[in-house]
Amino acid sequence: EYFARARDWVREQGLRNVDVVSKHRVNRGGVSTLTAWLWGMTWLLNHAGVWDHYINLNDSDYPIANSHSLMRFLWLNRGTNFVNV
């Protein structure tokens, strides 16, 4: 149900650069989290055209900066990889 609401909200907002592509049962801290992330990256590589960033968000993420600040940060750090493990 959450997946459908998220997908519908993205469509209603007219967000053309956002895709809600699948739902996975994820157990926090388990291998299912990694499996879902890898599936998402694989989908992106196979289905999306040109893209600059992959940002994985889950239900506990909360924006700590507005979108302008995030865009500026990513622009200033273009060509850099960020991995949070």
C-alpha atoms as a PDB file:
ATOM      1  CA  GLU A   1       0.000   0.000   0.000  1.00  0.00           C
ATOM      2  CA  TYR A   2       2.828   2.434   0.798  1.00  0.00           C
ATOM      3  CA  PHE A   3       4.389   1.706  -2.597  1.00  0.00           C
ATOM      4  CA  ALA A   4       1.178   2.540  -4.447  1.00  0.00           C
ATOM      5  CA  ARG A   5       0.687   5.766  -2.457  1.00  0.00           C
ATOM      6  CA  ALA A   6       4.266   6.865  -3.167  1.00  0.00           C
ATOM      7  CA  ARG A   7       3.941   6.090  -6.880  1.00  0.00           C
ATOM      8  CA  ASP A   8       0.597   7.915  -7.098  1.00  0.00           C
ATOM      9  CA  TRP A   9       1.950  10.947  -5.246  1.00  0.00           C
ATOM     10  CA  VAL A  10       4.913  11.206  -7.639  1.00  0.00           C
ATOM     11  CA  ARG A  11       2.523  11.085 -10.599  1.00  0.00           C
ATOM     12  CA  GLU A  12       0.178  13.673  -9.074  1.00  0.00           C
ATOM     13  CA  GLN A  13       3.094  16.041  -8.491  1.00  0.00           C
ATOM     14  CA  GLY A  14       4.196  15.679 -12.106  1.00  0.00           C
ATOM     15  CA  LEU A  15       7.726  14.714 -11.058  1.00  0.00           C
ATOM     16  CA  ARG A  16       9.159  13.485 -14.338  1.00  0.00           C
ATOM     17  CA  ASN A  17      12.650  12.857 -12.974  1.00  0.00           C
ATOM     18  CA  VAL A  18      11.495  10.580 -10.122  1.00  0.00           C
ATOM     19  CA  ASP A  19      10.710   6.880 -10.502  1.00  0.00           C
ATOM     20  CA  VAL A  20       9.086   4.620  -7.930  1.00  0.00           C
ATOM     21  CA  VAL A  21       9.875   1.286  -9.494  1.00  0.00           C
ATOM     22  CA  SER A  22       9.402  -1.574  -7.078  1.00  0.00           C
ATOM     23  CA  LYS A  23       8.735  -2.598  -3.567  1.00  0.00           C
ATOM     24  CA  HIS A  24      10.838  -5.116  -1.740  1.00  0.00           C
ATOM     25  CA  ARG A  25      10.353  -6.657   1.653  1.00  0.00           C
ATOM     26  CA  VAL A  26      13.354  -5.370   3.536  1.00  0.00           C
ATOM     27  CA  ASN A  27      14.533  -6.412   6.972  1.00  0.00           C
ATOM     28  CA  ARG A  28      16.651  -3.622   8.393  1.00  0.00           C
ATOM     29  CA  GLY A  29      20.263  -4.597   8.655  1.00  0.00           C
ATOM     30  CA  GLY A  30      19.764  -7.727   6.609  1.00  0.00           C
ATOM     31  CA  VAL A  31      20.896  -8.795   3.177  1.00  0.00           C
ATOM     32  CA  SER A  32      17.476  -7.848   1.782  1.00  0.00           C
ATOM     33  CA  THR A  33      18.432  -4.164   2.077  1.00  0.00           C
ATOM     34  CA  LEU A  34      21.502  -4.671  -0.091  1.00  0.00           C
ATOM     35  CA  THR A  35      19.492  -6.781  -2.536  1.00  0.00           C
ATOM     36  CA  ALA A  36      16.909  -4.002  -2.935  1.00  0.00           C
ATOM     37  CA  TRP A  37      19.603  -1.337  -3.455  1.00  0.00           C
ATOM     38  CA  LEU A  38      21.435  -3.425  -6.040  1.00  0.00           C
ATOM     39  CA  TRP A  39      18.184  -4.181  -7.841  1.00  0.00           C
ATOM     40  CA  GLY A  40      17.429  -0.445  -7.946  1.00  0.00           C
ATOM     41  CA  MET A  41      20.835   0.396  -9.370  1.00  0.00           C
ATOM     42  CA  THR A  42      20.535  -2.395 -11.944  1.00  0.00           C
ATOM     43  CA  TRP A  43      17.103  -1.117 -12.985  1.00  0.00           C
ATOM     44  CA  LEU A  44      18.484   2.395 -13.332  1.00  0.00           C
ATOM     45  CA  LEU A  45      21.414   1.270 -15.469  1.00  0.00           C
ATOM     46  CA  ASN A  46      19.130  -0.773 -17.752  1.00  0.00           C
ATOM     47  CA  HIS A  47      16.115   1.563 -18.054  1.00  0.00           C
ATOM     48  CA  ALA A  48      17.106   5.148 -17.431  1.00  0.00           C
ATOM     49  CA  GLY A  49      18.844   7.323 -19.960  1.00  0.00           C
ATOM     50  CA  VAL A  50      21.507   9.735 -18.848  1.00  0.00           C
ATOM     51  CA  TRP A  51      21.594  10.371 -15.117  1.00  0.00           C
ATOM     52  CA  ASP A  52      23.981  11.993 -12.679  1.00  0.00           C
ATOM     53  CA  HIS A  53      23.063  10.732  -9.207  1.00  0.00           C
ATOM     54  CA  TYR A  54      21.557   7.745  -7.476  1.00  0.00           C
ATOM     55  CA  ILE A  55      20.043   8.603  -4.112  1.00  0.00           C
ATOM     56  CA  ASN A  56      18.514   5.764  -2.164  1.00  0.00           C
ATOM     57  CA  LEU A  57      15.836   6.850   0.305  1.00  0.00           C
ATOM     58  CA  ASN A  58      13.940   4.700   2.738  1.00  0.00           C
ATOM     59  CA  ASP A  59      11.028   5.293   5.070  1.00  0.00           C
ATOM     60  CA  SER A  60      13.226   6.690   7.846  1.00  0.00           C
ATOM     61  CA  ASP A  61      14.922   9.339   5.695  1.00  0.00           C
ATOM     62  CA  TYR A  62      13.962  12.896   6.403  1.00  0.00           C
ATOM     63  CA  PRO A  63      15.227  15.821   4.346  1.00  0.00           C
ATOM     64  CA  ILE A  64      17.673  17.868   6.388  1.00  0.00           C
ATOM     65  CA  ALA A  65      18.266  20.369   3.600  1.00  0.00           C
ATOM     66  CA  ASN A  66      16.041  21.861   0.936  1.00  0.00           C
ATOM     67  CA  SER A  67      16.343  20.673  -2.656  1.00  0.00           C
ATOM     68  CA  HIS A  68      18.331  23.766  -3.707  1.00  0.00           C
ATOM     69  CA  SER A  69      20.980  23.008  -1.084  1.00  0.00           C
ATOM     70  CA  LEU A  70      21.159  19.363  -2.174  1.00  0.00           C
ATOM     71  CA  MET A  71      21.467  20.331  -5.847  1.00  0.00           C
ATOM     72  CA  ARG A  72      24.235  22.818  -5.017  1.00  0.00           C
ATOM     73  CA  PHE A  73      26.114  20.221  -2.959  1.00  0.00           C
ATOM     74  CA  LEU A  74      25.893  17.646  -5.746  1.00  0.00           C
ATOM     75  CA  TRP A  75      26.994  20.198  -8.358  1.00  0.00           C
ATOM     76  CA  LEU A  76      29.977  21.289  -6.274  1.00  0.00           C
ATOM     77  CA  ASN A  77      30.986  17.648  -5.767  1.00  0.00           C
ATOM     78  CA  ARG A  78      30.253  16.342  -9.280  1.00  0.00           C
ATOM     79  CA  GLY A  79      32.473  13.481 -10.333  1.00  0.00           C
ATOM     80  CA  THR A  80      32.798  12.335  -6.716  1.00  0.00           C
ATOM     81  CA  ASN A  81      31.417   9.102  -5.280  1.00  0.00           C
ATOM     82  CA  PHE A  82      29.730   8.938  -1.887  1.00  0.00           C
ATOM     83  CA  VAL A  83      29.125   5.660  -0.118  1.00  0.00           C
ATOM     84  CA  ASN A  84      27.695   5.531   3.391  1.00  0.00           C
ATOM     85  CA  VAL A  85      28.103   2.081   4.922  1.00  0.00           C
END
